[in-house]
Amino acid sequence: MLIVPLVVRKRIDVGEGGMEMLDPLSGFLSTAFTMLLAFIIVNVWTEQVNKLQIFGNEVLFLEESVLAVKLVDAEADVEYKQHVIEYLDMVEKYELEQIPPMGGAPQANEKFEELEAMVDAEYAKIAKRLDAADVAAVFFAETESFFNAREERVNHAPLELDVIFAGILVVLGLLTVLCVLLMPATSAPWLKYAQSLSVAVAVGLMLGLILYVASNSFTALPEERQLARIEAVIKAE
């Protein structure tokens, strides 16, 4: 942005034939920038969508188990829901709002183990009741799917935005803007300023978009909606 006034005031002179050199160079740099940008955004977007899908599966299976526990053991319904609420609170606080360690945050793992222990106790209890075998099978299938979904989420190695790729992209973006800035000014300086400013803003927005998609803010709203959905189910039951 600081170079724009200098170019507009013609303090930088590319000399005769400068346009013939800058035009193909600008085209090459802009193409390289666009291709690398597309490669990075596709990979980052795919990773974030995959992250949301894994968490969505975990919440879905947990929600189904909440609906099924009442049919299996009405006396355990309130206690099971309380364990679920405590577990979700720890997940939201230590695994969604923060970047958890591989294997999950200790606070969430503690609540998960309590939830798992209760399911195991229910399994031993229901095993003695042949009349509840069919309903129990649904509950335990959902809880097993929930356990597996959590293991997949906390042990998934995230594909983070690579510093080298990001650095190369920034350099290409800056070179592209610089080439546009160095192109000969028109008879109307404000047109040159508008052209240069437009390219600089576009490059900045593209870089900002990648940073946003790669951040937790991109997945925050869908995750909050999934948590709100299961909380609504718990309150409604």
Protein backbone atom coordinates (compact mmCIF):
# COMPACT_ATOMS: atom_id res chain seq x y z
CA MET A 1 0.00 0.00 0.00
CA LEU A 2 2.89 2.40 0.71
CA ILE A 3 4.26 1.90 -2.79
CA VAL A 4 1.04 3.01 -4.48
CA PRO A 5 1.51 6.77 -3.93
CA LEU A 6 5.08 6.52 -5.18
CA VAL A 7 4.02 4.83 -8.40
CA VAL A 8 1.11 7.18 -8.97
CA ARG A 9 3.42 10.17 -8.58
CA LYS A 10 5.81 8.51 -11.08
CA ARG A 11 8.73 8.38 -8.71
CA ILE A 12 9.36 4.87 -9.99
CA ASP A 13 10.06 4.68 -13.70
CA VAL A 14 10.19 1.28 -15.38
CA GLY A 15 11.59 2.83 -18.56
CA GLU A 16 10.69 2.22 -22.16
CA GLY A 17 9.47 -1.23 -22.95
CA GLY A 18 8.65 -1.83 -19.31
CA MET A 19 5.09 -2.82 -20.13
CA GLU A 20 6.31 -5.55 -22.50
CA MET A 21 8.31 -7.08 -19.66
CA LEU A 22 5.87 -6.54 -16.82
CA ASP A 23 2.78 -7.84 -18.62
CA PRO A 24 3.94 -11.49 -19.06
CA LEU A 25 5.64 -11.43 -15.67
CA SER A 26 2.44 -10.25 -14.01
CA GLY A 27 0.47 -12.93 -15.86
CA PHE A 28 2.87 -15.66 -14.72
CA LEU A 29 2.90 -14.52 -11.09
CA SER A 30 -0.87 -14.12 -10.92
CA THR A 31 -1.34 -17.61 -12.42
CA ALA A 32 1.12 -19.15 -9.94
CA PHE A 33 -0.57 -17.30 -7.07
CA THR A 34 -4.03 -18.44 -8.16
CA MET A 35 -3.02 -22.09 -8.59
CA LEU A 36 -1.29 -22.27 -5.21
CA LEU A 37 -4.20 -20.43 -3.61
CA ALA A 38 -6.67 -22.95 -5.05
CA PHE A 39 -4.53 -25.89 -3.90
CA ILE A 40 -4.27 -24.59 -0.34
CA ILE A 41 -7.91 -23.51 0.00
CA VAL A 42 -9.20 -26.87 -1.27
CA ASN A 43 -7.03 -28.82 1.18
CA VAL A 44 -7.80 -26.57 4.14
CA TRP A 45 -11.53 -26.52 3.33
CA THR A 46 -11.62 -30.31 2.96
CA GLU A 47 -9.87 -30.76 6.30
CA GLN A 48 -12.28 -28.45 8.10
CA VAL A 49 -15.34 -30.10 6.55
CA ASN A 50 -13.96 -33.51 7.54
CA LYS A 51 -13.45 -32.22 11.07
CA LEU A 52 -17.07 -31.07 11.25
CA GLN A 53 -18.33 -34.38 9.88
CA ILE A 54 -16.41 -36.41 12.46
CA PHE A 55 -17.69 -34.26 15.31
CA GLY A 56 -21.20 -34.37 13.87
CA ASN A 57 -21.12 -38.18 13.90
CA GLU A 58 -20.00 -38.17 17.51
CA VAL A 59 -22.83 -35.86 18.56
CA LEU A 60 -25.39 -37.80 16.50
CA PHE A 61 -24.53 -41.17 18.07
CA LEU A 62 -24.51 -39.60 21.54
CA GLU A 63 -27.91 -38.05 20.86
CA GLU A 64 -29.31 -41.41 19.76
CA SER A 65 -28.00 -43.03 22.94
CA VAL A 66 -29.75 -40.34 25.01
CA LEU A 67 -33.02 -41.19 23.29
CA ALA A 68 -32.52 -44.92 23.81
CA VAL A 69 -31.38 -45.01 27.44
CA LYS A 70 -34.85 -44.19 28.75
CA LEU A 71 -36.25 -47.28 27.06
CA VAL A 72 -33.50 -49.46 28.44
CA ASP A 73 -33.41 -48.27 32.04
CA ALA A 74 -35.71 -45.43 33.09
CA GLU A 75 -33.97 -45.17 36.47
CA ALA A 76 -30.63 -44.42 34.79
CA ASP A 77 -32.06 -41.83 32.43
CA VAL A 78 -31.37 -38.73 34.56
CA GLU A 79 -27.91 -39.84 35.61
CA TYR A 80 -26.90 -40.70 32.05
CA LYS A 81 -28.07 -37.33 30.75
CA GLN A 82 -26.11 -35.58 33.50
CA HIS A 83 -22.96 -37.43 32.44
CA VAL A 84 -23.61 -36.43 28.83
CA ILE A 85 -24.05 -32.75 29.76
CA GLU A 86 -20.84 -32.73 31.79
CA TYR A 87 -18.96 -34.46 28.97
CA LEU A 88 -20.20 -31.99 26.35
CA ASP A 89 -19.27 -29.05 28.58
CA MET A 90 -15.68 -30.32 28.81
CA VAL A 91 -15.54 -31.01 25.08
CA GLU A 92 -16.74 -27.52 24.24
CA LYS A 93 -14.38 -25.82 26.68
CA TYR A 94 -11.20 -27.85 26.19
CA GLU A 95 -11.48 -29.50 22.76
CA LEU A 96 -13.45 -27.05 20.61
CA GLU A 97 -12.52 -23.63 21.97
CA GLN A 98 -8.90 -24.77 22.33
CA ILE A 99 -6.60 -27.00 20.33
CA PRO A 100 -6.54 -30.25 22.35
CA PRO A 101 -3.55 -32.58 22.61
CA MET A 102 -3.54 -35.79 20.62
CA GLY A 103 -5.80 -38.25 22.40
CA GLY A 104 -8.11 -35.56 23.78
CA ALA A 105 -8.02 -33.06 26.62
CA PRO A 106 -7.58 -34.64 30.10
CA GLN A 107 -10.72 -32.90 31.41
CA ALA A 108 -12.87 -34.28 28.57
CA ASN A 109 -11.24 -37.71 28.84
CA GLU A 110 -12.15 -37.84 32.52
CA LYS A 111 -15.83 -37.19 31.79
CA PHE A 112 -15.74 -39.60 28.87
CA GLU A 113 -14.40 -42.36 31.11
CA GLU A 114 -17.18 -41.70 33.61
CA LEU A 115 -19.72 -41.97 30.80
CA GLU A 116 -18.08 -45.15 29.53
CA ALA A 117 -18.09 -46.65 33.04
CA MET A 118 -21.82 -46.03 33.36
CA VAL A 119 -22.48 -47.68 30.00
CA ASP A 120 -20.46 -50.70 31.11
CA ALA A 121 -22.46 -50.87 34.34
CA GLU A 122 -25.71 -50.69 32.39
CA TYR A 123 -24.49 -53.46 30.11
CA ALA A 124 -23.84 -55.74 33.09
CA LYS A 125 -27.21 -54.83 34.55
CA ILE A 126 -29.23 -55.30 31.36
CA ALA A 127 -27.48 -58.56 30.51
CA LYS A 128 -29.57 -60.21 33.20
CA ARG A 129 -32.84 -58.99 31.63
CA LEU A 130 -33.72 -61.04 28.58
CA ASP A 131 -36.91 -59.03 28.05
CA ALA A 132 -34.92 -55.88 27.30
CA ALA A 133 -32.43 -57.47 24.92
CA ASP A 134 -33.79 -55.88 21.73
CA VAL A 135 -34.01 -52.36 23.10
CA ALA A 136 -30.67 -52.70 24.88
CA ALA A 137 -29.01 -53.76 21.64
CA VAL A 138 -29.96 -50.41 20.08
CA PHE A 139 -28.63 -48.44 23.05
CA PHE A 140 -25.34 -50.27 23.21
CA ALA A 141 -24.86 -50.07 19.44
CA GLU A 142 -25.27 -46.29 19.60
CA THR A 143 -22.92 -45.91 22.54
CA GLU A 144 -20.32 -48.10 20.81
CA SER A 145 -20.58 -45.93 17.70
CA PHE A 146 -20.19 -42.85 19.91
CA PHE A 147 -17.07 -44.30 21.53
CA ASN A 148 -15.56 -45.02 18.12
CA ALA A 149 -16.45 -41.57 16.80
CA ARG A 150 -14.76 -39.89 19.74
CA GLU A 151 -11.65 -42.02 19.32
CA GLU A 152 -11.53 -41.05 15.66
CA ARG A 153 -11.87 -37.34 16.47
CA VAL A 154 -9.33 -37.07 19.27
CA ASN A 155 -6.75 -39.25 17.48
CA HIS A 156 -7.16 -37.53 14.12
CA ALA A 157 -4.02 -35.63 13.13
CA PRO A 158 -5.28 -32.30 11.75
CA LEU A 159 -3.91 -30.99 8.47
CA GLU A 160 -2.80 -27.55 9.61
CA LEU A 161 -1.93 -24.64 7.34
CA ASP A 162 1.69 -25.24 6.37
CA VAL A 163 4.01 -22.30 7.07
CA ILE A 164 6.10 -22.88 3.95
CA PHE A 165 3.08 -23.00 1.63
CA ALA A 166 1.61 -19.92 3.30
CA GLY A 167 4.93 -18.08 3.02
CA ILE A 168 5.27 -18.86 -0.68
CA LEU A 169 1.68 -17.74 -1.25
CA VAL A 170 2.31 -14.42 0.53
CA VAL A 171 5.47 -13.80 -1.53
CA LEU A 172 3.66 -14.57 -4.79
CA GLY A 173 0.82 -12.27 -3.78
CA LEU A 174 3.18 -9.42 -2.97
CA LEU A 175 5.09 -9.86 -6.24
CA THR A 176 1.82 -9.84 -8.17
CA VAL A 177 0.77 -6.59 -6.50
CA LEU A 178 4.23 -5.10 -7.10
CA CYS A 179 4.07 -5.91 -10.83
CA VAL A 180 0.73 -4.15 -11.12
CA LEU A 181 2.08 -1.17 -9.21
CA LEU A 182 5.08 -0.88 -11.54
CA MET A 183 3.02 -0.84 -14.71
CA PRO A 184 3.13 2.57 -16.43
CA ALA A 185 0.62 5.08 -15.11
CA THR A 186 -2.24 6.26 -17.28
CA SER A 187 -3.06 9.89 -17.99
CA ALA A 188 -5.45 9.78 -15.04
CA PRO A 189 -3.48 8.97 -11.84
CA TRP A 190 -6.60 8.02 -9.92
CA LEU A 191 -7.20 5.13 -12.35
CA LYS A 192 -3.73 3.80 -11.61
CA TYR A 193 -4.35 4.15 -7.90
CA ALA A 194 -7.73 2.40 -8.18
CA GLN A 195 -6.22 -0.46 -10.20
CA SER A 196 -3.34 -0.97 -7.81
CA LEU A 197 -5.53 -0.70 -4.75
CA SER A 198 -8.05 -3.20 -6.17
CA VAL A 199 -5.35 -5.81 -6.79
CA ALA A 200 -3.81 -5.28 -3.36
CA VAL A 201 -7.19 -5.58 -1.63
CA ALA A 202 -8.09 -8.71 -3.63
CA VAL A 203 -4.80 -10.42 -2.73
CA GLY A 204 -5.22 -9.43 0.91
CA LEU A 205 -8.77 -10.77 1.02
CA MET A 206 -7.68 -14.09 -0.48
CA LEU A 207 -4.92 -14.48 2.09
CA GLY A 208 -7.33 -13.52 4.85
CA LEU A 209 -9.86 -16.06 3.60
CA ILE A 210 -7.34 -18.88 3.92
CA LEU A 211 -6.46 -17.86 7.46
CA TYR A 212 -10.16 -17.73 8.36
CA VAL A 213 -10.99 -21.14 6.89
CA ALA A 214 -8.00 -22.66 8.68
CA SER A 215 -9.02 -21.18 12.05
CA ASN A 216 -11.39 -22.52 14.70
CA SER A 217 -13.74 -19.62 13.96
CA PHE A 218 -14.72 -21.28 10.69
CA THR A 219 -16.08 -24.38 12.48
CA ALA A 220 -17.29 -22.65 15.64
CA LEU A 221 -20.88 -21.89 14.55
CA PRO A 222 -21.67 -25.39 13.13
CA GLU A 223 -20.22 -26.99 16.26
CA GLU A 224 -22.30 -24.71 18.49
CA ARG A 225 -25.44 -25.66 16.56
CA GLN A 226 -24.70 -29.35 16.96
CA LEU A 227 -24.20 -28.92 20.70
CA ALA A 228 -27.38 -26.85 20.97
CA ARG A 229 -29.32 -29.59 19.17
CA ILE A 230 -28.33 -32.36 21.58
CA GLU A 231 -28.87 -30.07 24.57
CA ALA A 232 -32.38 -29.38 23.30
CA VAL A 233 -33.00 -33.14 23.03
CA ILE A 234 -31.81 -33.67 26.60
CA LYS A 235 -34.08 -30.94 27.94
CA ALA A 236 -37.07 -32.20 25.94
CA GLU A 237 -36.82 -35.74 27.24
